[in-house]
Amino acid sequence: MLADEGGLIIVEGQKDKAALNELGISGEILLASHPPLFNFAESISRKANAAIIMTDWDSKGKMLAKKMSTYLRSSGLKPDLRLRGKLRKLVQKEIKDVEGLSRYVRALRYKVHER
């Protein structure tokens, strides 16, 4: 996937990273909780050729995704926000954050196998 191509995933916190790992997503997952955000974005653009921003779909996550996207672009890297947008549309009524994804998938698997 992306990690094999020199890319990485940016999340808000450690629980988000753990949830993605639990879902089997491997590769480099970085936490955007490192201030200052602009320096963080510059360091990412120096070491990666692609980045997926996977922040929560609440107002804080939306603001962080927007800032991170702006900073990455100014550093010469075009971030990918498509996955965040698609997931938000699919699950925003059931869960509010990335850390809830693994729990949500477990619940769906249980429902499927229950029948």
C-alpha atoms as a PDB file:
ATOM      1  CA  MET A   1       0.000   0.000   0.000  1.00  0.00           C
ATOM      2  CA  LEU A   2       1.101   3.553   0.663  1.00  0.00           C
ATOM      3  CA  ALA A   3       3.893   2.636   3.086  1.00  0.00           C
ATOM      4  CA  ASP A   4       5.499   0.448   0.438  1.00  0.00           C
ATOM      5  CA  GLU A   5       5.645   3.487  -1.828  1.00  0.00           C
ATOM      6  CA  GLY A   6       7.372   5.765   0.686  1.00  0.00           C
ATOM      7  CA  GLY A   7       4.183   7.224   2.107  1.00  0.00           C
ATOM      8  CA  LEU A   8       2.770   7.546   5.585  1.00  0.00           C
ATOM      9  CA  ILE A   9      -0.425   8.150   7.544  1.00  0.00           C
ATOM     10  CA  ILE A  10      -0.965  11.086   9.903  1.00  0.00           C
ATOM     11  CA  VAL A  11      -3.338  10.672  12.864  1.00  0.00           C
ATOM     12  CA  GLU A  12      -4.128  12.787  15.923  1.00  0.00           C
ATOM     13  CA  GLY A  13      -3.142  10.526  18.778  1.00  0.00           C
ATOM     14  CA  GLN A  14      -1.754   7.236  20.023  1.00  0.00           C
ATOM     15  CA  LYS A  15      -5.210   5.599  20.286  1.00  0.00           C
ATOM     16  CA  ASP A  16      -5.873   6.414  16.619  1.00  0.00           C
ATOM     17  CA  LYS A  17      -2.582   4.778  15.665  1.00  0.00           C
ATOM     18  CA  ALA A  18      -3.412   1.711  17.775  1.00  0.00           C
ATOM     19  CA  ALA A  19      -6.848   1.411  16.139  1.00  0.00           C
ATOM     20  CA  LEU A  20      -5.334   1.462  12.640  1.00  0.00           C
ATOM     21  CA  ASN A  21      -2.738  -1.113  13.664  1.00  0.00           C
ATOM     22  CA  GLU A  22      -5.521  -3.308  15.070  1.00  0.00           C
ATOM     23  CA  LEU A  23      -7.244  -3.105  11.691  1.00  0.00           C
ATOM     24  CA  GLY A  24      -4.087  -4.453  10.070  1.00  0.00           C
ATOM     25  CA  ILE A  25      -2.825  -1.186   8.675  1.00  0.00           C
ATOM     26  CA  SER A  26       0.926  -1.249   8.814  1.00  0.00           C
ATOM     27  CA  GLY A  27       3.571   1.149   7.741  1.00  0.00           C
ATOM     28  CA  GLU A  28       4.553   4.475   9.161  1.00  0.00           C
ATOM     29  CA  ILE A  29       1.801   6.166  11.174  1.00  0.00           C
ATOM     30  CA  LEU A  30       2.763   9.522  12.672  1.00  0.00           C
ATOM     31  CA  LEU A  31       1.047  11.541  15.379  1.00  0.00           C
ATOM     32  CA  ALA A  32       0.090  15.116  14.501  1.00  0.00           C
ATOM     33  CA  SER A  33       0.176  16.037  18.179  1.00  0.00           C
ATOM     34  CA  HIS A  34       3.736  17.338  17.834  1.00  0.00           C
ATOM     35  CA  PRO A  35       3.886  21.117  18.049  1.00  0.00           C
ATOM     36  CA  PRO A  36       4.758  23.180  16.131  1.00  0.00           C
ATOM     37  CA  LEU A  37       2.668  21.740  13.360  1.00  0.00           C
ATOM     38  CA  PHE A  38       4.460  23.593  10.566  1.00  0.00           C
ATOM     39  CA  ASN A  39       7.832  22.045  11.511  1.00  0.00           C
ATOM     40  CA  PHE A  40       6.157  18.629  11.726  1.00  0.00           C
ATOM     41  CA  ALA A  41       4.795  19.088   8.185  1.00  0.00           C
ATOM     42  CA  GLU A  42       8.208  20.158   6.886  1.00  0.00           C
ATOM     43  CA  SER A  43       9.871  17.074   8.352  1.00  0.00           C
ATOM     44  CA  ILE A  44       7.216  14.847   6.743  1.00  0.00           C
ATOM     45  CA  SER A  45       7.690  16.441   3.339  1.00  0.00           C
ATOM     46  CA  ARG A  46      11.447  15.789   3.550  1.00  0.00           C
ATOM     47  CA  LYS A  47      11.083  12.075   4.258  1.00  0.00           C
ATOM     48  CA  ALA A  48       7.865  11.001   2.480  1.00  0.00           C
ATOM     49  CA  ASN A  49       6.545  11.205  -1.041  1.00  0.00           C
ATOM     50  CA  ALA A  50       2.898  10.714  -0.014  1.00  0.00           C
ATOM     51  CA  ALA A  51       0.795  11.286   3.097  1.00  0.00           C
ATOM     52  CA  ILE A  52      -2.752  10.378   4.084  1.00  0.00           C
ATOM     53  CA  ILE A  53      -4.331  12.642   6.684  1.00  0.00           C
ATOM     54  CA  MET A  54      -6.641  10.613   8.958  1.00  0.00           C
ATOM     55  CA  THR A  55      -7.824  12.984  11.672  1.00  0.00           C
ATOM     56  CA  ASP A  56     -11.125  12.669  13.526  1.00  0.00           C
ATOM     57  CA  TRP A  57     -14.262  14.027  11.904  1.00  0.00           C
ATOM     58  CA  ASP A  58     -15.112  16.445  14.714  1.00  0.00           C
ATOM     59  CA  SER A  59     -14.369  20.188  14.467  1.00  0.00           C
ATOM     60  CA  LYS A  60     -10.895  19.810  16.026  1.00  0.00           C
ATOM     61  CA  GLY A  61      -9.998  17.033  13.585  1.00  0.00           C
ATOM     62  CA  LYS A  62     -11.342  19.030  10.659  1.00  0.00           C
ATOM     63  CA  MET A  63      -9.279  22.070  11.662  1.00  0.00           C
ATOM     64  CA  LEU A  64      -6.163  19.949  12.152  1.00  0.00           C
ATOM     65  CA  ALA A  65      -6.626  18.268   8.754  1.00  0.00           C
ATOM     66  CA  LYS A  66      -7.014  21.651   7.074  1.00  0.00           C
ATOM     67  CA  LYS A  67      -3.905  23.118   8.750  1.00  0.00           C
ATOM     68  CA  MET A  68      -1.849  20.003   8.121  1.00  0.00           C
ATOM     69  CA  SER A  69      -2.925  19.950   4.479  1.00  0.00           C
ATOM     70  CA  THR A  70      -1.977  23.606   4.037  1.00  0.00           C
ATOM     71  CA  TYR A  71       1.414  23.150   5.691  1.00  0.00           C
ATOM     72  CA  LEU A  72       2.213  19.998   3.720  1.00  0.00           C
ATOM     73  CA  ARG A  73       1.294  21.699   0.456  1.00  0.00           C
ATOM     74  CA  SER A  74       3.510  24.682   1.299  1.00  0.00           C
ATOM     75  CA  SER A  75       6.337  22.188   1.881  1.00  0.00           C
ATOM     76  CA  GLY A  76       5.809  20.614  -1.548  1.00  0.00           C
ATOM     77  CA  LEU A  77       3.806  17.511  -0.610  1.00  0.00           C
ATOM     78  CA  LYS A  78       0.220  16.970  -1.739  1.00  0.00           C
ATOM     79  CA  PRO A  79      -1.653  15.263   1.124  1.00  0.00           C
ATOM     80  CA  ASP A  80      -4.467  12.794   0.519  1.00  0.00           C
ATOM     81  CA  LEU A  81      -7.707  13.576   2.385  1.00  0.00           C
ATOM     82  CA  ARG A  82      -9.965  11.274   0.342  1.00  0.00           C
ATOM     83  CA  LEU A  83      -9.960   8.334   2.763  1.00  0.00           C
ATOM     84  CA  ARG A  84     -10.807  10.602   5.694  1.00  0.00           C
ATOM     85  CA  GLY A  85     -13.705  12.076   3.727  1.00  0.00           C
ATOM     86  CA  LYS A  86     -15.072   8.718   2.619  1.00  0.00           C
ATOM     87  CA  LEU A  87     -14.874   7.221   6.113  1.00  0.00           C
ATOM     88  CA  ARG A  88     -16.503  10.294   7.635  1.00  0.00           C
ATOM     89  CA  LYS A  89     -19.456   9.972   5.267  1.00  0.00           C
ATOM     90  CA  LEU A  90     -19.793   6.242   5.955  1.00  0.00           C
ATOM     91  CA  VAL A  91     -19.525   6.178   9.739  1.00  0.00           C
ATOM     92  CA  GLN A  92     -20.055   9.657  11.193  1.00  0.00           C
ATOM     93  CA  LYS A  93     -23.461   8.702  12.604  1.00  0.00           C
ATOM     94  CA  GLU A  94     -22.009   5.693  14.424  1.00  0.00           C
ATOM     95  CA  ILE A  95     -18.555   6.894  15.512  1.00  0.00           C
ATOM     96  CA  LYS A  96     -16.860  10.253  15.793  1.00  0.00           C
ATOM     97  CA  ASP A  97     -13.193   9.420  15.600  1.00  0.00           C
ATOM     98  CA  VAL A  98     -10.448   7.256  14.124  1.00  0.00           C
ATOM     99  CA  GLU A  99      -9.906   5.457  17.419  1.00  0.00           C
ATOM    100  CA  GLY A 100     -13.469   4.093  17.180  1.00  0.00           C
ATOM    101  CA  LEU A 101     -12.876   2.449  13.797  1.00  0.00           C
ATOM    102  CA  SER A 102     -11.517  -0.840  15.131  1.00  0.00           C
ATOM    103  CA  ARG A 103     -14.396  -1.154  17.615  1.00  0.00           C
ATOM    104  CA  TYR A 104     -16.869  -0.365  14.837  1.00  0.00           C
ATOM    105  CA  VAL A 105     -15.380  -2.986  12.498  1.00  0.00           C
ATOM    106  CA  ARG A 106     -15.444  -5.588  15.303  1.00  0.00           C
ATOM    107  CA  ALA A 107     -19.132  -4.847  15.903  1.00  0.00           C
ATOM    108  CA  LEU A 108     -19.898  -5.191  12.181  1.00  0.00           C
ATOM    109  CA  ARG A 109     -18.033  -8.502  12.009  1.00  0.00           C
ATOM    110  CA  TYR A 110     -19.979  -9.762  15.016  1.00  0.00           C
ATOM    111  CA  LYS A 111     -23.298  -8.806  13.402  1.00  0.00           C
ATOM    112  CA  VAL A 112     -22.343 -10.543  10.149  1.00  0.00           C
ATOM    113  CA  HIS A 113     -21.256 -13.758  11.878  1.00  0.00           C
ATOM    114  CA  GLU A 114     -24.206 -13.698  14.292  1.00  0.00           C
ATOM    115  CA  ARG A 115     -26.699 -14.328  11.499  1.00  0.00           C
END
